[in-house]
Amino acid sequence: VQLVESGGGLVQAGGSLRLSCTASGRIFSNFAMGWFRQAPG
C-alpha cells in the first residue's frame, strides 16, 4: 500500500484547510487510518 497526502499549504490563523490522503496498491477496506504531525524540533 502507498499513501499520498495533498492539500497542505499556508493559511492564516482562524482559517481552514483540508488535507487528503489517497491510497494505492493493495487496498483493503478494513484499514484504520490515522493522522499525525511533526513540528520542527
PDB file of all heavy atoms in Angstrom:
ATOM      1  N   VAL A   1       0.840  -1.188   0.000  1.00  0.00           N
ATOM      2  CA  VAL A   1       0.000   0.000   0.000  1.00  0.00           C
ATOM      3  C   VAL A   1       0.879   1.244   0.000  1.00  0.00           C
ATOM      4  O   VAL A   1       1.862   1.332   0.739  1.00  0.00           O
ATOM      5  CB  VAL A   1      -0.936   0.015   1.218  1.00  0.00           C
ATOM      6  CG1 VAL A   1      -1.722   1.321   1.279  1.00  0.00           C
ATOM      7  CG2 VAL A   1      -1.880  -1.180   1.155  1.00  0.00           C
ATOM      8  N   GLN A   2       0.504   2.207  -0.822  1.00  0.00           N
ATOM      9  CA  GLN A   2       1.157   3.507  -0.831  1.00  0.00           C
ATOM     10  C   GLN A   2       0.143   4.589  -0.519  1.00  0.00           C
ATOM     11  O   GLN A   2      -1.002   4.534  -0.984  1.00  0.00           O
ATOM     12  CB  GLN A   2       1.811   3.779  -2.183  1.00  0.00           C
ATOM     13  CG  GLN A   2       2.977   2.856  -2.493  1.00  0.00           C
ATOM     14  CD  GLN A   2       3.619   3.169  -3.825  1.00  0.00           C
ATOM     15  OE1 GLN A   2       2.959   3.610  -4.756  1.00  0.00           O
ATOM     16  NE2 GLN A   2       4.915   2.936  -3.902  1.00  0.00           N
ATOM     17  N   LEU A   3       0.559   5.577   0.265  1.00  0.00           N
ATOM     18  CA  LEU A   3      -0.297   6.676   0.671  1.00  0.00           C
ATOM     19  C   LEU A   3       0.313   7.990   0.211  1.00  0.00           C
ATOM     20  O   LEU A   3       1.521   8.194   0.348  1.00  0.00           O
ATOM     21  CB  LEU A   3      -0.467   6.704   2.193  1.00  0.00           C
ATOM     22  CG  LEU A   3      -0.947   5.413   2.860  1.00  0.00           C
ATOM     23  CD1 LEU A   3      -0.943   5.584   4.378  1.00  0.00           C
ATOM     24  CD2 LEU A   3      -2.344   5.050   2.376  1.00  0.00           C
ATOM     25  N   VAL A   4      -0.516   8.872  -0.308  1.00  0.00           N
ATOM     26  CA  VAL A   4      -0.056  10.168  -0.779  1.00  0.00           C
ATOM     27  C   VAL A   4      -0.952  11.253  -0.203  1.00  0.00           C
ATOM     28  O   VAL A   4      -2.161  11.256  -0.442  1.00  0.00           O
ATOM     29  CB  VAL A   4      -0.055  10.253  -2.312  1.00  0.00           C
ATOM     30  CG1 VAL A   4       0.398  11.637  -2.760  1.00  0.00           C
ATOM     31  CG2 VAL A   4       0.857   9.188  -2.902  1.00  0.00           C
ATOM     32  N   GLU A   5      -0.342  12.187   0.543  1.00  0.00           N
ATOM     33  CA  GLU A   5      -1.078  13.314   1.100  1.00  0.00           C
ATOM     34  C   GLU A   5      -1.067  14.486   0.130  1.00  0.00           C
ATOM     35  O   GLU A   5      -0.126  14.661  -0.652  1.00  0.00           O
ATOM     36  CB  GLU A   5      -0.473  13.778   2.433  1.00  0.00           C
ATOM     37  CG  GLU A   5      -0.433  12.721   3.517  1.00  0.00           C
ATOM     38  CD  GLU A   5       0.916  12.054   3.609  1.00  0.00           C
ATOM     39  OE1 GLU A   5       1.648  12.012   2.592  1.00  0.00           O
ATOM     40  OE2 GLU A   5       1.259  11.567   4.699  1.00  0.00           O
ATOM     41  N   SER A   6      -2.094  15.309   0.221  1.00  0.00           N
ATOM     42  CA  SER A   6      -2.154  16.534  -0.551  1.00  0.00           C
ATOM     43  C   SER A   6      -3.015  17.545   0.194  1.00  0.00           C
ATOM     44  O   SER A   6      -3.743  17.192   1.114  1.00  0.00           O
ATOM     45  CB  SER A   6      -2.712  16.290  -1.955  1.00  0.00           C
ATOM     46  OG  SER A   6      -4.044  15.819  -1.900  1.00  0.00           O
ATOM     47  N   GLY A   7      -2.925  18.796  -0.213  1.00  0.00           N
ATOM     48  CA  GLY A   7      -3.767  19.834   0.350  1.00  0.00           C
ATOM     49  C   GLY A   7      -3.082  20.752   1.339  1.00  0.00           C
ATOM     50  O   GLY A   7      -3.707  21.696   1.828  1.00  0.00           O
ATOM     51  N   GLY A   8      -1.822  20.494   1.650  1.00  0.00           N
ATOM     52  CA  GLY A   8      -1.112  21.366   2.565  1.00  0.00           C
ATOM     53  C   GLY A   8      -0.823  22.714   1.942  1.00  0.00           C
ATOM     54  O   GLY A   8      -0.945  22.911   0.732  1.00  0.00           O
ATOM     55  N   GLY A   9      -0.441  23.656   2.785  1.00  0.00           N
ATOM     56  CA  GLY A   9      -0.135  24.985   2.307  1.00  0.00           C
ATOM     57  C   GLY A   9      -0.111  25.986   3.433  1.00  0.00           C
ATOM     58  O   GLY A   9       0.003  25.632   4.605  1.00  0.00           O
ATOM     59  N   LEU A  10      -0.223  27.247   3.063  1.00  0.00           N
ATOM     60  CA  LEU A  10      -0.190  28.356   4.005  1.00  0.00           C
ATOM     61  C   LEU A  10      -1.594  28.875   4.252  1.00  0.00           C
ATOM     62  O   LEU A  10      -2.352  29.105   3.306  1.00  0.00           O
ATOM     63  CB  LEU A  10       0.698  29.478   3.470  1.00  0.00           C
ATOM     64  CG  LEU A  10       0.784  30.756   4.294  1.00  0.00           C
ATOM     65  CD1 LEU A  10       1.455  30.477   5.633  1.00  0.00           C
ATOM     66  CD2 LEU A  10       1.545  31.823   3.520  1.00  0.00           C
ATOM     67  N   VAL A  11      -1.925  29.074   5.516  1.00  0.00           N
ATOM     68  CA  VAL A  11      -3.235  29.592   5.881  1.00  0.00           C
ATOM     69  C   VAL A  11      -3.078  30.534   7.070  1.00  0.00           C
ATOM     70  O   VAL A  11      -2.173  30.366   7.896  1.00  0.00           O
ATOM     71  CB  VAL A  11      -4.208  28.436   6.214  1.00  0.00           C
ATOM     72  CG1 VAL A  11      -3.729  27.661   7.438  1.00  0.00           C
ATOM     73  CG2 VAL A  11      -5.624  28.949   6.408  1.00  0.00           C
ATOM     74  N   GLN A  12      -3.932  31.528   7.147  1.00  0.00           N
ATOM     75  CA  GLN A  12      -3.897  32.450   8.278  1.00  0.00           C
ATOM     76  C   GLN A  12      -4.586  31.852   9.497  1.00  0.00           C
ATOM     77  O   GLN A  12      -5.471  31.005   9.374  1.00  0.00           O
ATOM     78  CB  GLN A  12      -4.571  33.774   7.915  1.00  0.00           C
ATOM     79  CG  GLN A  12      -3.772  34.656   6.990  1.00  0.00           C
ATOM     80  CD  GLN A  12      -4.381  36.031   6.854  1.00  0.00           C
ATOM     81  OE1 GLN A  12      -5.526  36.171   6.453  1.00  0.00           O
ATOM     82  NE2 GLN A  12      -3.611  37.051   7.213  1.00  0.00           N
ATOM     83  N   ALA A  13      -4.169  32.302  10.665  1.00  0.00           N
ATOM     84  CA  ALA A  13      -4.816  31.872  11.894  1.00  0.00           C
ATOM     85  C   ALA A  13      -6.315  32.131  11.817  1.00  0.00           C
ATOM     86  O   ALA A  13      -6.753  33.192  11.368  1.00  0.00           O
ATOM     87  CB  ALA A  13      -4.209  32.587  13.092  1.00  0.00           C
ATOM     88  N   GLY A  14      -7.085  31.150  12.247  1.00  0.00           N
ATOM     89  CA  GLY A  14      -8.528  31.228  12.164  1.00  0.00           C
ATOM     90  C   GLY A  14      -9.100  30.648  10.892  1.00  0.00           C
ATOM     91  O   GLY A  14     -10.319  30.464  10.795  1.00  0.00           O
ATOM     92  N   GLY A  15      -8.247  30.351   9.945  1.00  0.00           N
ATOM     93  CA  GLY A  15      -8.685  29.817   8.672  1.00  0.00           C
ATOM     94  C   GLY A  15      -8.834  28.313   8.689  1.00  0.00           C
ATOM     95  O   GLY A  15      -8.688  27.657   9.719  1.00  0.00           O
ATOM     96  N   SER A  16      -9.106  27.767   7.510  1.00  0.00           N
ATOM     97  CA  SER A  16      -9.366  26.341   7.361  1.00  0.00           C
ATOM     98  C   SER A  16      -8.545  25.753   6.233  1.00  0.00           C
ATOM     99  O   SER A  16      -8.150  26.449   5.289  1.00  0.00           O
ATOM    100  CB  SER A  16     -10.851  26.088   7.072  1.00  0.00           C
ATOM    101  OG  SER A  16     -11.675  26.541   8.126  1.00  0.00           O
ATOM    102  N   LEU A  17      -8.322  24.465   6.333  1.00  0.00           N
ATOM    103  CA  LEU A  17      -7.585  23.734   5.319  1.00  0.00           C
ATOM    104  C   LEU A  17      -8.057  22.291   5.346  1.00  0.00           C
ATOM    105  O   LEU A  17      -8.354  21.756   6.420  1.00  0.00           O
ATOM    106  CB  LEU A  17      -6.086  23.810   5.606  1.00  0.00           C
ATOM    107  CG  LEU A  17      -5.090  23.610   4.465  1.00  0.00           C
ATOM    108  CD1 LEU A  17      -5.272  24.683   3.402  1.00  0.00           C
ATOM    109  CD2 LEU A  17      -3.672  23.639   5.012  1.00  0.00           C
ATOM    110  N   ARG A  18      -8.131  21.662   4.190  1.00  0.00           N
ATOM    111  CA  ARG A  18      -8.498  20.260   4.128  1.00  0.00           C
ATOM    112  C   ARG A  18      -7.382  19.456   3.483  1.00  0.00           C
ATOM    113  O   ARG A  18      -6.950  19.756   2.363  1.00  0.00           O
ATOM    114  CB  ARG A  18      -9.793  20.046   3.344  1.00  0.00           C
ATOM    115  CG  ARG A  18     -10.305  18.603   3.437  1.00  0.00           C
ATOM    116  CD  ARG A  18     -11.576  18.359   2.657  1.00  0.00           C
ATOM    117  NE  ARG A  18     -11.340  18.292   1.220  1.00  0.00           N
ATOM    118  CZ  ARG A  18     -12.197  17.778   0.340  1.00  0.00           C
ATOM    119  NH1 ARG A  18     -13.366  17.294   0.763  1.00  0.00           N
ATOM    120  NH2 ARG A  18     -11.907  17.776  -0.944  1.00  0.00           N
ATOM    121  N   LEU A  19      -6.931  18.438   4.182  1.00  0.00           N
ATOM    122  CA  LEU A  19      -5.930  17.532   3.673  1.00  0.00           C
ATOM    123  C   LEU A  19      -6.586  16.259   3.150  1.00  0.00           C
ATOM    124  O   LEU A  19      -7.587  15.803   3.694  1.00  0.00           O
ATOM    125  CB  LEU A  19      -4.919  17.165   4.758  1.00  0.00           C
ATOM    126  CG  LEU A  19      -4.211  18.322   5.470  1.00  0.00           C
ATOM    127  CD1 LEU A  19      -3.207  17.769   6.468  1.00  0.00           C
ATOM    128  CD2 LEU A  19      -3.544  19.250   4.476  1.00  0.00           C
ATOM    129  N   SER A  20      -5.999  15.696   2.120  1.00  0.00           N
ATOM    130  CA  SER A  20      -6.463  14.436   1.568  1.00  0.00           C
ATOM    131  C   SER A  20      -5.332  13.423   1.588  1.00  0.00           C
ATOM    132  O   SER A  20      -4.166  13.780   1.452  1.00  0.00           O
ATOM    133  CB  SER A  20      -6.953  14.608   0.128  1.00  0.00           C
ATOM    134  OG  SER A  20      -8.034  15.508   0.052  1.00  0.00           O
ATOM    135  N   CYS A  21      -5.696  12.176   1.750  1.00  0.00           N
ATOM    136  CA  CYS A  21      -4.739  11.083   1.690  1.00  0.00           C
ATOM    137  C   CYS A  21      -5.347   9.988   0.837  1.00  0.00           C
ATOM    138  O   CYS A  21      -6.380   9.414   1.196  1.00  0.00           O
ATOM    139  CB  CYS A  21      -4.420  10.573   3.091  1.00  0.00           C
ATOM    140  SG  CYS A  21      -3.362   9.104   3.137  1.00  0.00           S
ATOM    141  N   THR A  22      -4.715   9.696  -0.280  1.00  0.00           N
ATOM    142  CA  THR A  22      -5.223   8.700  -1.209  1.00  0.00           C
ATOM    143  C   THR A  22      -4.308   7.486  -1.227  1.00  0.00           C
ATOM    144  O   THR A  22      -3.087   7.622  -1.316  1.00  0.00           O
ATOM    145  CB  THR A  22      -5.339   9.288  -2.621  1.00  0.00           C
ATOM    146  OG1 THR A  22      -6.242  10.394  -2.607  1.00  0.00           O
ATOM    147  CG2 THR A  22      -5.877   8.240  -3.592  1.00  0.00           C
ATOM    148  N   ALA A  23      -4.911   6.321  -1.144  1.00  0.00           N
ATOM    149  CA  ALA A  23      -4.170   5.068  -1.112  1.00  0.00           C
ATOM    150  C   ALA A  23      -4.177   4.389  -2.473  1.00  0.00           C
ATOM    151  O   ALA A  23      -5.147   4.478  -3.237  1.00  0.00           O
ATOM    152  CB  ALA A  23      -4.762   4.129  -0.067  1.00  0.00           C
ATOM    153  N   SER A  24      -3.093   3.708  -2.766  1.00  0.00           N
ATOM    154  CA  SER A  24      -2.999   2.902  -3.970  1.00  0.00           C
ATOM    155  C   SER A  24      -2.262   1.613  -3.638  1.00  0.00           C
ATOM    156  O   SER A  24      -1.654   1.482  -2.585  1.00  0.00           O
ATOM    157  CB  SER A  24      -2.287   3.658  -5.094  1.00  0.00           C
ATOM    158  OG  SER A  24      -0.954   3.982  -4.725  1.00  0.00           O
ATOM    159  N   GLY A  25      -2.312   0.667  -4.563  1.00  0.00           N
ATOM    160  CA  GLY A  25      -1.698  -0.626  -4.328  1.00  0.00           C
ATOM    161  C   GLY A  25      -2.737  -1.635  -3.875  1.00  0.00           C
ATOM    162  O   GLY A  25      -3.866  -1.627  -4.353  1.00  0.00           O
ATOM    163  N   ARG A  26      -2.350  -2.501  -2.960  1.00  0.00           N
ATOM    164  CA  ARG A  26      -3.269  -3.498  -2.431  1.00  0.00           C
ATOM    165  C   ARG A  26      -4.124  -2.853  -1.353  1.00  0.00           C
ATOM    166  O   ARG A  26      -3.707  -2.722  -0.206  1.00  0.00           O
ATOM    167  CB  ARG A  26      -2.512  -4.699  -1.872  1.00  0.00           C
ATOM    168  CG  ARG A  26      -1.705  -5.469  -2.900  1.00  0.00           C
ATOM    169  CD  ARG A  26      -1.280  -6.834  -2.365  1.00  0.00           C
ATOM    170  NE  ARG A  26      -2.398  -7.785  -2.335  1.00  0.00           N
ATOM    171  CZ  ARG A  26      -2.883  -8.336  -1.234  1.00  0.00           C
ATOM    172  NH1 ARG A  26      -2.353  -8.046  -0.053  1.00  0.00           N
ATOM    173  NH2 ARG A  26      -3.891  -9.187  -1.303  1.00  0.00           N
ATOM    174  N   ILE A  27      -5.315  -2.463  -1.758  1.00  0.00           N
ATOM    175  CA  ILE A  27      -6.212  -1.725  -0.883  1.00  0.00           C
ATOM    176  C   ILE A  27      -7.171  -2.667  -0.171  1.00  0.00           C
ATOM    177  O   ILE A  27      -7.783  -3.530  -0.792  1.00  0.00           O
ATOM    178  CB  ILE A  27      -7.007  -0.680  -1.673  1.00  0.00           C
ATOM    179  CG1 ILE A  27      -6.058   0.219  -2.471  1.00  0.00           C
ATOM    180  CG2 ILE A  27      -7.870   0.141  -0.724  1.00  0.00           C
ATOM    181  CD1 ILE A  27      -5.046   0.942  -1.631  1.00  0.00           C
ATOM    182  N   PHE A  28      -7.307  -2.461   1.126  1.00  0.00           N
ATOM    183  CA  PHE A  28      -8.271  -3.187   1.931  1.00  0.00           C
ATOM    184  C   PHE A  28      -9.229  -2.198   2.565  1.00  0.00           C
ATOM    185  O   PHE A  28      -8.831  -1.103   2.972  1.00  0.00           O
ATOM    186  CB  PHE A  28      -7.582  -4.017   3.017  1.00  0.00           C
ATOM    187  CG  PHE A  28      -6.735  -5.126   2.483  1.00  0.00           C
ATOM    188  CD1 PHE A  28      -5.395  -4.925   2.228  1.00  0.00           C
ATOM    189  CD2 PHE A  28      -7.282  -6.371   2.244  1.00  0.00           C
ATOM    190  CE1 PHE A  28      -4.603  -5.948   1.740  1.00  0.00           C
ATOM    191  CE2 PHE A  28      -6.497  -7.403   1.750  1.00  0.00           C
ATOM    192  CZ  PHE A  28      -5.159  -7.193   1.495  1.00  0.00           C
ATOM    193  N   SER A  29     -10.472  -2.587   2.675  1.00  0.00           N
ATOM    194  CA  SER A  29     -11.483  -1.710   3.246  1.00  0.00           C
ATOM    195  C   SER A  29     -11.421  -1.649   4.762  1.00  0.00           C
ATOM    196  O   SER A  29     -12.062  -0.786   5.358  1.00  0.00           O
ATOM    197  CB  SER A  29     -12.881  -2.148   2.807  1.00  0.00           C
ATOM    198  OG  SER A  29     -13.181  -3.451   3.281  1.00  0.00           O
ATOM    199  N   ASN A  30     -10.660  -2.535   5.381  1.00  0.00           N
ATOM    200  CA  ASN A  30     -10.631  -2.605   6.837  1.00  0.00           C
ATOM    201  C   ASN A  30      -9.397  -1.951   7.455  1.00  0.00           C
ATOM    202  O   ASN A  30      -8.947  -2.345   8.525  1.00  0.00           O
ATOM    203  CB  ASN A  30     -10.763  -4.047   7.317  1.00  0.00           C
ATOM    204  CG  ASN A  30      -9.638  -4.939   6.820  1.00  0.00           C
ATOM    205  OD1 ASN A  30      -8.836  -4.540   5.986  1.00  0.00           O
ATOM    206  ND2 ASN A  30      -9.590  -6.153   7.352  1.00  0.00           N
ATOM    207  N   PHE A  31      -8.856  -0.931   6.806  1.00  0.00           N
ATOM    208  CA  PHE A  31      -7.775  -0.151   7.388  1.00  0.00           C
ATOM    209  C   PHE A  31      -8.327   0.906   8.321  1.00  0.00           C
ATOM    210  O   PHE A  31      -9.238   1.647   7.964  1.00  0.00           O
ATOM    211  CB  PHE A  31      -6.962   0.566   6.305  1.00  0.00           C
ATOM    212  CG  PHE A  31      -5.995  -0.295   5.562  1.00  0.00           C
ATOM    213  CD1 PHE A  31      -6.051  -0.363   4.180  1.00  0.00           C
ATOM    214  CD2 PHE A  31      -5.026  -1.012   6.229  1.00  0.00           C
ATOM    215  CE1 PHE A  31      -5.156  -1.144   3.476  1.00  0.00           C
ATOM    216  CE2 PHE A  31      -4.121  -1.800   5.538  1.00  0.00           C
ATOM    217  CZ  PHE A  31      -4.193  -1.866   4.156  1.00  0.00           C
ATOM    218  N   ALA A  32      -7.770   0.984   9.518  1.00  0.00           N
ATOM    219  CA  ALA A  32      -7.926   2.179  10.324  1.00  0.00           C
ATOM    220  C   ALA A  32      -6.908   3.200   9.838  1.00  0.00           C
ATOM    221  O   ALA A  32      -5.755   2.855   9.562  1.00  0.00           O
ATOM    222  CB  ALA A  32      -7.706   1.872  11.802  1.00  0.00           C
ATOM    223  N   MET A  33      -7.337   4.444   9.726  1.00  0.00           N
ATOM    224  CA  MET A  33      -6.475   5.489   9.193  1.00  0.00           C
ATOM    225  C   MET A  33      -6.181   6.522  10.272  1.00  0.00           C
ATOM    226  O   MET A  33      -7.093   6.969  10.968  1.00  0.00           O
ATOM    227  CB  MET A  33      -7.125   6.174   7.998  1.00  0.00           C
ATOM    228  CG  MET A  33      -7.446   5.243   6.838  1.00  0.00           C
ATOM    229  SD  MET A  33      -5.960   4.551   6.058  1.00  0.00           S
ATOM    230  CE  MET A  33      -5.182   6.059   5.449  1.00  0.00           C
ATOM    231  N   GLY A  34      -4.928   6.894  10.385  1.00  0.00           N
ATOM    232  CA  GLY A  34      -4.522   7.881  11.365  1.00  0.00           C
ATOM    233  C   GLY A  34      -3.870   9.081  10.720  1.00  0.00           C
ATOM    234  O   GLY A  34      -3.302   8.992   9.627  1.00  0.00           O
ATOM    235  N   TRP A  35      -3.967  10.214  11.394  1.00  0.00           N
ATOM    236  CA  TRP A  35      -3.250  11.426  11.018  1.00  0.00           C
ATOM    237  C   TRP A  35      -2.298  11.790  12.144  1.00  0.00           C
ATOM    238  O   TRP A  35      -2.679  11.790  13.323  1.00  0.00           O
ATOM    239  CB  TRP A  35      -4.198  12.590  10.750  1.00  0.00           C
ATOM    240  CG  TRP A  35      -4.923  12.512   9.445  1.00  0.00           C
ATOM    241  CD1 TRP A  35      -6.171  12.026   9.220  1.00  0.00           C
ATOM    242  CD2 TRP A  35      -4.434  12.954   8.174  1.00  0.00           C
ATOM    243  NE1 TRP A  35      -6.502  12.133   7.893  1.00  0.00           N
ATOM    244  CE2 TRP A  35      -5.446  12.703   7.224  1.00  0.00           C
ATOM    245  CE3 TRP A  35      -3.247  13.544   7.744  1.00  0.00           C
ATOM    246  CZ2 TRP A  35      -5.304  13.017   5.867  1.00  0.00           C
ATOM    247  CZ3 TRP A  35      -3.106  13.847   6.392  1.00  0.00           C
ATOM    248  CH2 TRP A  35      -4.125  13.579   5.480  1.00  0.00           C
ATOM    249  N   PHE A  36      -1.071  12.114  11.761  1.00  0.00           N
ATOM    250  CA  PHE A  36      -0.036  12.533  12.699  1.00  0.00           C
ATOM    251  C   PHE A  36       0.603  13.807  12.179  1.00  0.00           C
ATOM    252  O   PHE A  36       0.479  14.145  11.002  1.00  0.00           O
ATOM    253  CB  PHE A  36       1.023  11.442  12.871  1.00  0.00           C
ATOM    254  CG  PHE A  36       0.501  10.176  13.490  1.00  0.00           C
ATOM    255  CD1 PHE A  36      -0.152   9.230  12.726  1.00  0.00           C
ATOM    256  CD2 PHE A  36       0.672   9.943  14.847  1.00  0.00           C
ATOM    257  CE1 PHE A  36      -0.636   8.063  13.291  1.00  0.00           C
ATOM    258  CE2 PHE A  36       0.193   8.779  15.430  1.00  0.00           C
ATOM    259  CZ  PHE A  36      -0.463   7.838  14.647  1.00  0.00           C
ATOM    260  N   ARG A  37       1.292  14.509  13.049  1.00  0.00           N
ATOM    261  CA  ARG A  37       2.006  15.703  12.623  1.00  0.00           C
ATOM    262  C   ARG A  37       3.311  15.829  13.393  1.00  0.00           C
ATOM    263  O   ARG A  37       3.450  15.322  14.502  1.00  0.00           O
ATOM    264  CB  ARG A  37       1.154  16.961  12.807  1.00  0.00           C
ATOM    265  CG  ARG A  37       0.834  17.308  14.256  1.00  0.00           C
ATOM    266  CD  ARG A  37      -0.151  18.462  14.314  1.00  0.00           C
ATOM    267  NE  ARG A  37      -0.441  18.875  15.682  1.00  0.00           N
ATOM    268  CZ  ARG A  37      -1.357  19.779  16.005  1.00  0.00           C
ATOM    269  NH1 ARG A  37      -2.076  20.374  15.057  1.00  0.00           N
ATOM    270  NH2 ARG A  37      -1.550  20.097  17.290  1.00  0.00           N
ATOM    271  N   GLN A  38       4.252  16.522  12.781  1.00  0.00           N
ATOM    272  CA  GLN A  38       5.548  16.729  13.407  1.00  0.00           C
ATOM    273  C   GLN A  38       6.041  18.134  13.091  1.00  0.00           C
ATOM    274  O   GLN A  38       6.234  18.488  11.930  1.00  0.00           O
ATOM    275  CB  GLN A  38       6.563  15.695  12.933  1.00  0.00           C
ATOM    276  CG  GLN A  38       7.883  15.743  13.683  1.00  0.00           C
ATOM    277  CD  GLN A  38       8.722  14.499  13.455  1.00  0.00           C
ATOM    278  OE1 GLN A  38       8.536  13.781  12.468  1.00  0.00           O
ATOM    279  NE2 GLN A  38       9.635  14.231  14.364  1.00  0.00           N
ATOM    280  N   ALA A  39       6.232  18.920  14.136  1.00  0.00           N
ATOM    281  CA  ALA A  39       6.762  20.263  14.011  1.00  0.00           C
ATOM    282  C   ALA A  39       8.277  20.225  14.179  1.00  0.00           C
ATOM    283  O   ALA A  39       8.818  19.291  14.777  1.00  0.00           O
ATOM    284  CB  ALA A  39       6.133  21.179  15.054  1.00  0.00           C
ATOM    285  N   PRO A  40       8.984  21.227  13.666  1.00  0.00           N
ATOM    286  CA  PRO A  40      10.442  21.247  13.800  1.00  0.00           C
ATOM    287  C   PRO A  40      10.885  21.142  15.253  1.00  0.00           C
ATOM    288  O   PRO A  40      10.385  21.864  16.116  1.00  0.00           O
ATOM    289  CB  PRO A  40      10.835  22.596  13.199  1.00  0.00           C
ATOM    290  CG  PRO A  40       9.740  22.895  12.223  1.00  0.00           C
ATOM    291  CD  PRO A  40       8.492  22.361  12.869  1.00  0.00           C
ATOM    292  N   GLY A  41      11.805  20.225  15.514  1.00  0.00           N
ATOM    293  CA  GLY A  41      12.336  20.050  16.848  1.00  0.00           C
ATOM    294  C   GLY A  41      11.429  19.334  17.824  1.00  0.00           C
ATOM    295  O   GLY A  41      11.771  19.232  19.004  1.00  0.00           O
TER     296      GLY A  41
END
